[in-house]
PDB file of N, CA and C in Angstrom:
ATOM      1  N   LYS A   1      -5.217  -0.785 -18.178  1.00  0.00           N
ATOM      2  CA  LYS A   1      -4.460   0.108 -17.375  1.00  0.00           C
ATOM      3  C   LYS A   1      -3.733  -1.085 -16.691  1.00  0.00           C
ATOM      4  N   ILE A   2      -2.477  -0.467 -16.882  1.00  0.00           N
ATOM      5  CA  ILE A   2      -1.384  -0.856 -16.064  1.00  0.00           C
ATOM      6  C   ILE A   2      -0.773  -0.427 -14.842  1.00  0.00           C
ATOM      7  N   VAL A   3      -0.951  -0.679 -13.522  1.00  0.00           N
ATOM      8  CA  VAL A   3      -0.760  -0.223 -12.090  1.00  0.00           C
ATOM      9  C   VAL A   3       1.072  -0.101 -12.002  1.00  0.00           C
ATOM     10  N   THR A   4       1.708   0.547 -11.827  1.00  0.00           N
ATOM     11  CA  THR A   4       3.169   0.549 -11.552  1.00  0.00           C
ATOM     12  C   THR A   4       3.080   0.949  -9.646  1.00  0.00           C
ATOM     13  N   VAL A   5       3.951   0.428  -8.886  1.00  0.00           N
ATOM     14  CA  VAL A   5       4.359   0.396  -7.331  1.00  0.00           C
ATOM     15  C   VAL A   5       4.122   2.244  -7.143  1.00  0.00           C
ATOM     16  N   GLU A   6       4.409   2.606  -8.100  1.00  0.00           N
ATOM     17  CA  GLU A   6       5.264   4.652  -8.036  1.00  0.00           C
ATOM     18  C   GLU A   6       3.559   4.841  -7.977  1.00  0.00           C
ATOM     19  N   HIS A   7       2.857   4.605  -9.115  1.00  0.00           N
ATOM     20  CA  HIS A   7       1.557   5.525  -8.886  1.00  0.00           C
ATOM     21  C   HIS A   7       0.733   4.856  -7.866  1.00  0.00           C
ATOM     22  N   ILE A   8       0.595   3.733  -6.905  1.00  0.00           N
ATOM     23  CA  ILE A   8      -0.210   3.073  -5.990  1.00  0.00           C
ATOM     24  C   ILE A   8       0.644   3.644  -4.896  1.00  0.00           C
ATOM     25  N   GLN A   9       2.334   4.036  -4.763  1.00  0.00           N
ATOM     26  CA  GLN A   9       2.403   5.102  -3.508  1.00  0.00           C
ATOM     27  C   GLN A   9       1.691   6.391  -4.065  1.00  0.00           C
ATOM     28  N   LYS A  10       1.927   7.278  -4.933  1.00  0.00           N
ATOM     29  CA  LYS A  10       1.169   8.435  -5.428  1.00  0.00           C
ATOM     30  C   LYS A  10       0.004   8.701  -5.154  1.00  0.00           C
ATOM     31  N   VAL A  11      -0.292   7.621  -5.379  1.00  0.00           N
ATOM     32  CA  VAL A  11      -2.564   7.807  -4.491  1.00  0.00           C
ATOM     33  C   VAL A  11      -2.581   7.305  -3.331  1.00  0.00           C
ATOM     34  N   VAL A  12      -2.059   6.843  -3.167  1.00  0.00           N
ATOM     35  CA  VAL A  12      -2.264   6.761  -1.029  1.00  0.00           C
ATOM     36  C   VAL A  12      -1.998   7.614  -0.438  1.00  0.00           C
ATOM     37  N   ALA A  13      -0.823   8.427  -0.885  1.00  0.00           N
ATOM     38  CA  ALA A  13       0.216   9.498  -0.351  1.00  0.00           C
ATOM     39  C   ALA A  13      -0.905  10.252  -0.114  1.00  0.00           C
ATOM     40  N   ASP A  14      -1.568  10.461  -1.630  1.00  0.00           N
ATOM     41  CA  ASP A  14      -2.683  11.704  -1.779  1.00  0.00           C
ATOM     42  C   ASP A  14      -3.889  11.431  -0.956  1.00  0.00           C
ATOM     43  N   HIS A  15      -4.391   9.964  -1.101  1.00  0.00           N
ATOM     44  CA  HIS A  15      -5.432  10.264  -0.049  1.00  0.00           C
ATOM     45  C   HIS A  15      -5.078  10.259   1.741  1.00  0.00           C
ATOM     46  N   PHE A  16      -4.230   9.853   2.322  1.00  0.00           N
ATOM     47  CA  PHE A  16      -3.808  10.509   3.479  1.00  0.00           C
ATOM     48  C   PHE A  16      -3.226  11.677   3.756  1.00  0.00           C
ATOM     49  N   GLY A  17      -3.020  12.472   2.824  1.00  0.00           N
ATOM     50  CA  GLY A  17      -2.439  13.381   2.952  1.00  0.00           C
ATOM     51  C   GLY A  17      -0.753  13.664   3.204  1.00  0.00           C
ATOM     52  N   ILE A  18       0.278  12.267   3.238  1.00  0.00           N
ATOM     53  CA  ILE A  18       1.128  12.076   3.330  1.00  0.00           C
ATOM     54  C   ILE A  18       2.338  12.846   1.704  1.00  0.00           C
ATOM     55  N   PRO A  19       3.361  13.276   2.342  1.00  0.00           N
ATOM     56  CA  PRO A  19       4.588  12.996   1.441  1.00  0.00           C
ATOM     57  C   PRO A  19       4.410  11.985   0.837  1.00  0.00           C
ATOM     58  N   GLU A  20       5.229  11.735  -0.136  1.00  0.00           N
ATOM     59  CA  GLU A  20       5.029  10.693  -1.236  1.00  0.00           C
ATOM     60  C   GLU A  20       6.647   9.676  -0.679  1.00  0.00           C
ATOM     61  N   GLU A  21       7.594  10.279  -0.404  1.00  0.00           N
ATOM     62  CA  GLU A  21       8.805   9.718   0.123  1.00  0.00           C
ATOM     63  C   GLU A  21       8.214   9.112   1.331  1.00  0.00           C
ATOM     64  N   ALA A  22       7.241   9.304   2.076  1.00  0.00           N
ATOM     65  CA  ALA A  22       6.821   8.898   3.108  1.00  0.00           C
ATOM     66  C   ALA A  22       7.054   7.602   3.165  1.00  0.00           C
ATOM     67  N   MET A  23       6.514   6.938   2.261  1.00  0.00           N
ATOM     68  CA  MET A  23       6.603   5.285   1.749  1.00  0.00           C
ATOM     69  C   MET A  23       7.781   4.888   1.558  1.00  0.00           C
ATOM     70  N   LYS A  24       8.549   5.366   1.735  1.00  0.00           N
ATOM     71  CA  LYS A  24       9.699   4.900   1.338  1.00  0.00           C
ATOM     72  C   LYS A  24      10.789   4.854   2.649  1.00  0.00           C
ATOM     73  N   VAL A  25      10.338   5.953   3.692  1.00  0.00           N
ATOM     74  CA  VAL A  25      11.764   6.535   4.512  1.00  0.00           C
ATOM     75  C   VAL A  25      11.257   5.169   5.907  1.00  0.00           C
ATOM     76  N   LYS A  26      12.240   5.072   6.634  1.00  0.00           N
ATOM     77  CA  LYS A  26      11.940   3.902   7.896  1.00  0.00           C
ATOM     78  C   LYS A  26      11.416   4.534   8.993  1.00  0.00           C
ATOM     79  N   LYS A  27      10.728   5.347   8.742  1.00  0.00           N
ATOM     80  CA  LYS A  27       9.796   6.243   9.974  1.00  0.00           C
ATOM     81  C   LYS A  27       8.554   5.043  10.295  1.00  0.00           C
ATOM     82  N   ARG A  28       8.419   4.354  11.549  1.00  0.00           N
ATOM     83  CA  ARG A  28       7.283   3.392  12.056  1.00  0.00           C
ATOM     84  C   ARG A  28       6.227   3.963  12.353  1.00  0.00           C
ATOM     85  N   THR A  29       6.396   5.284  12.084  1.00  0.00           N
ATOM     86  CA  THR A  29       5.080   6.251  13.414  1.00  0.00           C
ATOM     87  C   THR A  29       3.358   5.763  12.245  1.00  0.00           C
ATOM     88  N   SER A  30       2.201   5.373  13.041  1.00  0.00           N
ATOM     89  CA  SER A  30       1.557   5.121  12.647  1.00  0.00           C
ATOM     90  C   SER A  30       0.965   5.479  11.896  1.00  0.00           C
ATOM     91  N   SER A  31       1.061   7.136  11.487  1.00  0.00           N
ATOM     92  CA  SER A  31       0.579   7.856  10.431  1.00  0.00           C
ATOM     93  C   SER A  31       1.082   7.664   9.176  1.00  0.00           C
ATOM     94  N   LEU A  32       2.637   7.152   9.112  1.00  0.00           N
ATOM     95  CA  LEU A  32       2.820   6.889   7.731  1.00  0.00           C
ATOM     96  C   LEU A  32       2.933   5.182   7.678  1.00  0.00           C
ATOM     97  N   ALA A  33       3.184   4.658   8.954  1.00  0.00           N
ATOM     98  CA  ALA A  33       3.138   2.847   8.493  1.00  0.00           C
ATOM     99  C   ALA A  33       1.530   2.237   8.175  1.00  0.00           C
ATOM    100  N   PHE A  34       0.733   3.028   8.317  1.00  0.00           N
ATOM    101  CA  PHE A  34      -1.032   2.370   7.903  1.00  0.00           C
ATOM    102  C   PHE A  34      -1.487   2.282   6.390  1.00  0.00           C
ATOM    103  N   PRO A  35      -0.509   3.625   6.060  1.00  0.00           N
ATOM    104  CA  PRO A  35      -0.738   4.039   4.438  1.00  0.00           C
ATOM    105  C   PRO A  35      -0.092   3.508   3.794  1.00  0.00           C
ATOM    106  N   ARG A  36       1.570   3.045   4.634  1.00  0.00           N
ATOM    107  CA  ARG A  36       2.233   2.448   3.250  1.00  0.00           C
ATOM    108  C   ARG A  36       2.187   0.781   3.601  1.00  0.00           C
ATOM    109  N   GLN A  37       1.481   0.375   4.596  1.00  0.00           N
ATOM    110  CA  GLN A  37       1.135  -0.954   4.299  1.00  0.00           C
ATOM    111  C   GLN A  37      -0.041  -1.241   3.612  1.00  0.00           C
ATOM    112  N   ILE A  38      -1.046  -0.505   3.202  1.00  0.00           N
ATOM    113  CA  ILE A  38      -1.981  -0.023   2.477  1.00  0.00           C
ATOM    114  C   ILE A  38      -1.042  -0.173   1.153  1.00  0.00           C
ATOM    115  N   ALA A  39      -0.946   1.009   0.896  1.00  0.00           N
ATOM    116  CA  ALA A  39      -0.292   1.049  -0.474  1.00  0.00           C
ATOM    117  C   ALA A  39       0.581  -0.380  -0.860  1.00  0.00           C
ATOM    118  N   MET A  40       1.091  -1.344   0.154  1.00  0.00           N
ATOM    119  CA  MET A  40       1.826  -2.706  -0.225  1.00  0.00           C
ATOM    120  C   MET A  40       1.207  -3.552  -0.406  1.00  0.00           C
ATOM    121  N   TYR A  41      -0.711  -3.505   0.327  1.00  0.00           N
ATOM    122  CA  TYR A  41      -1.256  -4.293   0.047  1.00  0.00           C
ATOM    123  C   TYR A  41      -1.720  -3.992  -1.386  1.00  0.00           C
ATOM    124  N   LEU A  42      -1.792  -2.970  -1.980  1.00  0.00           N
ATOM    125  CA  LEU A  42      -2.207  -2.764  -3.528  1.00  0.00           C
ATOM    126  C   LEU A  42      -1.261  -3.759  -4.381  1.00  0.00           C
ATOM    127  N   SER A  43       0.034  -3.240  -3.738  1.00  0.00           N
ATOM    128  CA  SER A  43       0.778  -3.033  -4.707  1.00  0.00           C
ATOM    129  C   SER A  43       0.723  -5.067  -5.348  1.00  0.00           C
ATOM    130  N   ARG A  44       0.301  -5.758  -3.929  1.00  0.00           N
ATOM    131  CA  ARG A  44       0.194  -7.180  -4.353  1.00  0.00           C
ATOM    132  C   ARG A  44      -0.678  -7.461  -4.579  1.00  0.00           C
ATOM    133  N   ASP A  45      -1.616  -6.698  -4.793  1.00  0.00           N
ATOM    134  CA  ASP A  45      -3.142  -7.191  -5.571  1.00  0.00           C
ATOM    135  C   ASP A  45      -3.399  -6.577  -6.705  1.00  0.00           C
ATOM    136  N   LEU A  46      -2.373  -5.381  -7.130  1.00  0.00           N
ATOM    137  CA  LEU A  46      -2.474  -4.759  -8.561  1.00  0.00           C
ATOM    138  C   LEU A  46      -1.468  -5.299  -9.437  1.00  0.00           C
ATOM    139  N   THR A  47      -0.665  -5.462  -8.950  1.00  0.00           N
ATOM    140  CA  THR A  47       0.807  -5.386  -9.499  1.00  0.00           C
ATOM    141  C   THR A  47       1.583  -7.113  -9.856  1.00  0.00           C
ATOM    142  N   SER A  48       2.085  -7.666 -11.134  1.00  0.00           N
ATOM    143  CA  SER A  48       2.680  -9.116 -10.692  1.00  0.00           C
ATOM    144  C   SER A  48       3.833  -9.144  -9.946  1.00  0.00           C
ATOM    145  N   LEU A  49       4.343  -8.066  -9.258  1.00  0.00           N
ATOM    146  CA  LEU A  49       5.742  -7.852  -8.446  1.00  0.00           C
ATOM    147  C   LEU A  49       5.599  -8.924  -7.291  1.00  0.00           C
ATOM    148  N   SER A  50       6.853  -9.584  -7.126  1.00  0.00           N
ATOM    149  CA  SER A  50       7.020 -10.841  -6.014  1.00  0.00           C
ATOM    150  C   SER A  50       7.508  -9.553  -4.835  1.00  0.00           C
ATOM    151  N   LEU A  51       7.006 -10.140  -4.003  1.00  0.00           N
ATOM    152  CA  LEU A  51       7.022  -9.500  -2.140  1.00  0.00           C
ATOM    153  C   LEU A  51       8.179  -9.023  -2.061  1.00  0.00           C
ATOM    154  N   SER A  52       9.530  -9.639  -2.887  1.00  0.00           N
ATOM    155  CA  SER A  52      11.065  -8.754  -2.488  1.00  0.00           C
ATOM    156  C   SER A  52      10.782  -8.020  -3.702  1.00  0.00           C
ATOM    157  N   GLU A  53      10.694  -7.814  -4.587  1.00  0.00           N
ATOM    158  CA  GLU A  53      10.584  -6.638  -5.549  1.00  0.00           C
ATOM    159  C   GLU A  53       9.589  -5.357  -5.367  1.00  0.00           C
ATOM    160  N   ILE A  54       8.313  -5.962  -4.363  1.00  0.00           N
ATOM    161  CA  ILE A  54       7.548  -4.395  -3.209  1.00  0.00           C
ATOM    162  C   ILE A  54       8.310  -4.137  -2.600  1.00  0.00           C
ATOM    163  N   GLY A  55       8.807  -4.762  -1.871  1.00  0.00           N
ATOM    164  CA  GLY A  55       9.633  -4.644  -0.675  1.00  0.00           C
ATOM    165  C   GLY A  55      10.479  -3.495  -1.102  1.00  0.00           C
ATOM    166  N   SER A  56      11.201  -3.919  -1.984  1.00  0.00           N
ATOM    167  CA  SER A  56      12.901  -2.622  -2.440  1.00  0.00           C
ATOM    168  C   SER A  56      11.949  -1.767  -2.958  1.00  0.00           C
ATOM    169  N   ARG A  57      11.101  -1.469  -3.715  1.00  0.00           N
ATOM    170  CA  ARG A  57      10.502  -0.106  -3.823  1.00  0.00           C
ATOM    171  C   ARG A  57       9.826   0.360  -3.106  1.00  0.00           C
ATOM    172  N   PHE A  58       9.787  -0.289  -2.064  1.00  0.00           N
ATOM    173  CA  PHE A  58       9.382   0.506  -0.369  1.00  0.00           C
ATOM    174  C   PHE A  58      10.539   0.514   0.653  1.00  0.00           C
ATOM    175  N   GLY A  59      11.581   1.468   0.232  1.00  0.00           N
ATOM    176  CA  GLY A  59      12.823   1.817   1.033  1.00  0.00           C
ATOM    177  C   GLY A  59      13.542   0.568   0.806  1.00  0.00           C
ATOM    178  N   GLY A  60      13.893  -0.992   0.059  1.00  0.00           N
ATOM    179  CA  GLY A  60      14.409  -1.512   0.519  1.00  0.00           C
ATOM    180  C   GLY A  60      14.196  -2.754   1.859  1.00  0.00           C
ATOM    181  N   ARG A  61      12.250  -2.743   2.194  1.00  0.00           N
ATOM    182  CA  ARG A  61      11.812  -3.444   3.431  1.00  0.00           C
ATOM    183  C   ARG A  61      12.309  -5.044   2.446  1.00  0.00           C
ATOM    184  N   ASP A  62      12.161  -5.951   3.764  1.00  0.00           N
ATOM    185  CA  ASP A  62      11.819  -6.887   3.736  1.00  0.00           C
ATOM    186  C   ASP A  62      10.642  -7.613   3.358  1.00  0.00           C
ATOM    187  N   HIS A  63      10.838  -9.007   2.316  1.00  0.00           N
ATOM    188  CA  HIS A  63       9.775  -9.380   1.929  1.00  0.00           C
ATOM    189  C   HIS A  63       8.438  -9.798   2.849  1.00  0.00           C
ATOM    190  N   THR A  64       9.225  -9.935   3.787  1.00  0.00           N
ATOM    191  CA  THR A  64       8.528 -10.492   5.266  1.00  0.00           C
ATOM    192  C   THR A  64       7.366  -9.306   5.785  1.00  0.00           C
ATOM    193  N   THR A  65       8.171  -8.175   5.695  1.00  0.00           N
ATOM    194  CA  THR A  65       7.541  -6.815   5.848  1.00  0.00           C
ATOM    195  C   THR A  65       6.065  -7.173   5.225  1.00  0.00           C
ATOM    196  N   VAL A  66       6.414  -7.046   3.740  1.00  0.00           N
ATOM    197  CA  VAL A  66       5.508  -6.748   2.730  1.00  0.00           C
ATOM    198  C   VAL A  66       4.493  -8.025   3.081  1.00  0.00           C
ATOM    199  N   MET A  67       4.720  -9.369   3.589  1.00  0.00           N
ATOM    200  CA  MET A  67       3.722 -10.526   3.721  1.00  0.00           C
ATOM    201  C   MET A  67       2.566 -10.390   5.021  1.00  0.00           C
ATOM    202  N   HIS A  68       4.118  -9.617   6.037  1.00  0.00           N
ATOM    203  CA  HIS A  68       3.002  -8.903   7.328  1.00  0.00           C
ATOM    204  C   HIS A  68       1.792  -7.532   6.770  1.00  0.00           C
ATOM    205  N   ALA A  69       1.969  -6.770   6.029  1.00  0.00           N
ATOM    206  CA  ALA A  69       1.367  -5.476   5.732  1.00  0.00           C
ATOM    207  C   ALA A  69       0.381  -6.107   5.003  1.00  0.00           C
ATOM    208  N   CYS A  70       0.558  -7.190   4.398  1.00  0.00           N
ATOM    209  CA  CYS A  70      -0.568  -8.005   3.158  1.00  0.00           C
ATOM    210  C   CYS A  70      -1.830  -8.914   4.172  1.00  0.00           C
ATOM    211  N   ASP A  71      -1.184  -9.542   5.144  1.00  0.00           N
ATOM    212  CA  ASP A  71      -1.603 -10.240   6.003  1.00  0.00           C
ATOM    213  C   ASP A  71      -2.860  -9.257   7.058  1.00  0.00           C
ATOM    214  N   LYS A  72      -2.261  -8.086   7.306  1.00  0.00           N
ATOM    215  CA  LYS A  72      -2.880  -7.122   8.004  1.00  0.00           C
ATOM    216  C   LYS A  72      -3.895  -6.603   7.702  1.00  0.00           C
ATOM    217  N   ILE A  73      -3.161  -5.871   6.359  1.00  0.00           N
ATOM    218  CA  ILE A  73      -4.612  -5.075   5.900  1.00  0.00           C
ATOM    219  C   ILE A  73      -6.009  -6.289   5.015  1.00  0.00           C
ATOM    220  N   GLY A  74      -5.626  -7.206   4.641  1.00  0.00           N
ATOM    221  CA  GLY A  74      -6.366  -8.405   4.551  1.00  0.00           C
ATOM    222  C   GLY A  74      -7.015  -8.389   5.262  1.00  0.00           C
ATOM    223  N   ALA A  75      -6.911  -9.112   6.619  1.00  0.00           N
ATOM    224  CA  ALA A  75      -7.581  -9.177   7.820  1.00  0.00           C
ATOM    225  C   ALA A  75      -8.317  -7.871   7.787  1.00  0.00           C
ATOM    226  N   GLY A  76      -8.092  -7.302   8.033  1.00  0.00           N
ATOM    227  CA  GLY A  76      -8.421  -5.567   8.265  1.00  0.00           C
ATOM    228  C   GLY A  76     -10.016  -5.260   7.516  1.00  0.00           C
ATOM    229  N   ARG A  77      -9.776  -6.141   6.009  1.00  0.00           N
ATOM    230  CA  ARG A  77     -10.711  -5.932   5.075  1.00  0.00           C
ATOM    231  C   ARG A  77     -11.944  -6.205   5.758  1.00  0.00           C
ATOM    232  N   ASP A  78     -11.886  -7.532   6.311  1.00  0.00           N
ATOM    233  CA  ASP A  78     -12.656  -8.616   6.620  1.00  0.00           C
ATOM    234  C   ASP A  78     -13.370  -7.788   7.991  1.00  0.00           C
ATOM    235  N   THR A  79     -12.849  -7.274   8.465  1.00  0.00           N
ATOM    236  CA  THR A  79     -13.448  -6.817  10.019  1.00  0.00           C
ATOM    237  C   THR A  79     -13.903  -5.403   9.904  1.00  0.00           C
ATOM    238  N   ASP A  80     -13.404  -4.472   9.018  1.00  0.00           N
ATOM    239  CA  ASP A  80     -13.421  -3.194   9.322  1.00  0.00           C
ATOM    240  C   ASP A  80     -14.101  -2.363   7.924  1.00  0.00           C
ATOM    241  N   PRO A  81     -15.601  -2.041   7.946  1.00  0.00           N
ATOM    242  CA  PRO A  81     -16.011  -1.395   7.018  1.00  0.00           C
ATOM    243  C   PRO A  81     -15.280  -0.218   6.539  1.00  0.00           C
ATOM    244  N   GLU A  82     -14.899   0.480   7.512  1.00  0.00           N
ATOM    245  CA  GLU A  82     -14.003   2.084   6.608  1.00  0.00           C
ATOM    246  C   GLU A  82     -12.934   1.450   6.059  1.00  0.00           C
ATOM    247  N   LEU A  83     -12.145   0.405   6.729  1.00  0.00           N
ATOM    248  CA  LEU A  83     -10.888   0.444   5.943  1.00  0.00           C
ATOM    249  C   LEU A  83     -11.140  -0.451   4.153  1.00  0.00           C
ATOM    250  N   ARG A  84     -12.135  -1.066   4.530  1.00  0.00           N
ATOM    251  CA  ARG A  84     -12.564  -2.015   3.084  1.00  0.00           C
ATOM    252  C   ARG A  84     -12.961  -0.604   2.061  1.00  0.00           C
ATOM    253  N   HIS A  85     -13.847   0.229   3.138  1.00  0.00           N
ATOM    254  CA  HIS A  85     -14.079   0.889   2.150  1.00  0.00           C
ATOM    255  C   HIS A  85     -12.764   1.843   1.116  1.00  0.00           C
ATOM    256  N   ILE A  86     -11.947   1.866   2.329  1.00  0.00           N
ATOM    257  CA  ILE A  86     -10.858   2.748   1.716  1.00  0.00           C
ATOM    258  C   ILE A  86     -10.152   2.040   0.987  1.00  0.00           C
ATOM    259  N   VAL A  87     -10.029   0.484   0.935  1.00  0.00           N
ATOM    260  CA  VAL A  87      -9.173   0.004  -0.486  1.00  0.00           C
ATOM    261  C   VAL A  87      -9.692  -0.266  -1.055  1.00  0.00           C
ATOM    262  N   GLU A  88     -11.379  -0.177  -1.284  1.00  0.00           N
ATOM    263  CA  GLU A  88     -11.981  -0.299  -2.439  1.00  0.00           C
ATOM    264  C   GLU A  88     -12.246   1.150  -3.342  1.00  0.00           C
ATOM    265  N   ARG A  89     -12.135   2.048  -2.608  1.00  0.00           N
ATOM    266  CA  ARG A  89     -11.864   3.291  -3.325  1.00  0.00           C
ATOM    267  C   ARG A  89     -10.727   3.569  -4.114  1.00  0.00           C
ATOM    268  N   LEU A  90      -9.310   3.134  -2.842  1.00  0.00           N
ATOM    269  CA  LEU A  90      -8.325   3.277  -4.074  1.00  0.00           C
ATOM    270  C   LEU A  90      -8.359   2.444  -5.066  1.00  0.00           C
ATOM    271  N   THR A  91      -8.430   1.280  -5.124  1.00  0.00           N
ATOM    272  CA  THR A  91      -8.492   0.148  -5.824  1.00  0.00           C
ATOM    273  C   THR A  91      -9.190   0.863  -7.300  1.00  0.00           C
ATOM    274  N   ARG A  92     -10.529   1.725  -7.275  1.00  0.00           N
ATOM    275  CA  ARG A  92     -11.402   2.233  -8.351  1.00  0.00           C
ATOM    276  C   ARG A  92     -10.616   3.456  -8.880  1.00  0.00           C
ATOM    277  N   THR A  93      -9.575   3.712  -8.203  1.00  0.00           N
ATOM    278  CA  THR A  93      -9.132   4.976  -8.831  1.00  0.00           C
ATOM    279  C   THR A  93      -7.954   4.406  -9.531  1.00  0.00           C
ATOM    280  N   LEU A  94      -7.104   3.402  -8.681  1.00  0.00           N
ATOM    281  CA  LEU A  94      -6.148   3.005  -9.244  1.00  0.00           C
ATOM    282  C   LEU A  94      -6.328   2.171 -10.565  1.00  0.00           C
ATOM    283  N   ARG A  95      -7.474   1.543 -10.658  1.00  0.00           N
ATOM    284  CA  ARG A  95      -7.955   1.129 -12.312  1.00  0.00           C
ATOM    285  C   ARG A  95      -8.679   1.963 -12.977  1.00  0.00           C
ATOM    286  N   GLY A  96      -8.892   3.394 -12.862  1.00  0.00           N
ATOM    287  CA  GLY A  96      -9.153   4.206 -14.018  1.00  0.00           C
ATOM    288  C   GLY A  96     -10.581   4.138 -13.849  1.00  0.00           C
ATOM    289  N   GLY A  97     -11.255   3.862 -12.599  1.00  0.00           N
ATOM    290  CA  GLY A  97     -12.704   3.850 -12.759  1.00  0.00           C
ATOM    291  C   GLY A  97     -13.360   4.504 -11.133  1.00  0.00           C
TER     292      GLY A  97
END
C-alpha cells in the first residue's frame, strides 16, 4: 500500500483530534507542533520524498525543520515508551495493518 503525506497528515490529525489544516499552519503551539512533528517523522519513514518535498507539504517548511522533527521524534521513540507506542500504532494504521 502506497502511503502519501496527505494520508499521514489526516491519520495523525484524527489521532490527536486536531484539524487536518493544522499540519500546514505556521502556529507553533505544542498542541499542534507535536502532532506535526510526528507526521513529518512518519512522512520521512514511510515515503520516499526528500526533506524539502516533505517540508513543502507541511506549509512550506524548510528541510531543516523536517530534519529537526525527525531527530526529535526518533530520539523520543528510544526513551519514551508512550511515544514509541503512538508511532507504532500510527505506522500500523497507515500501512493498513
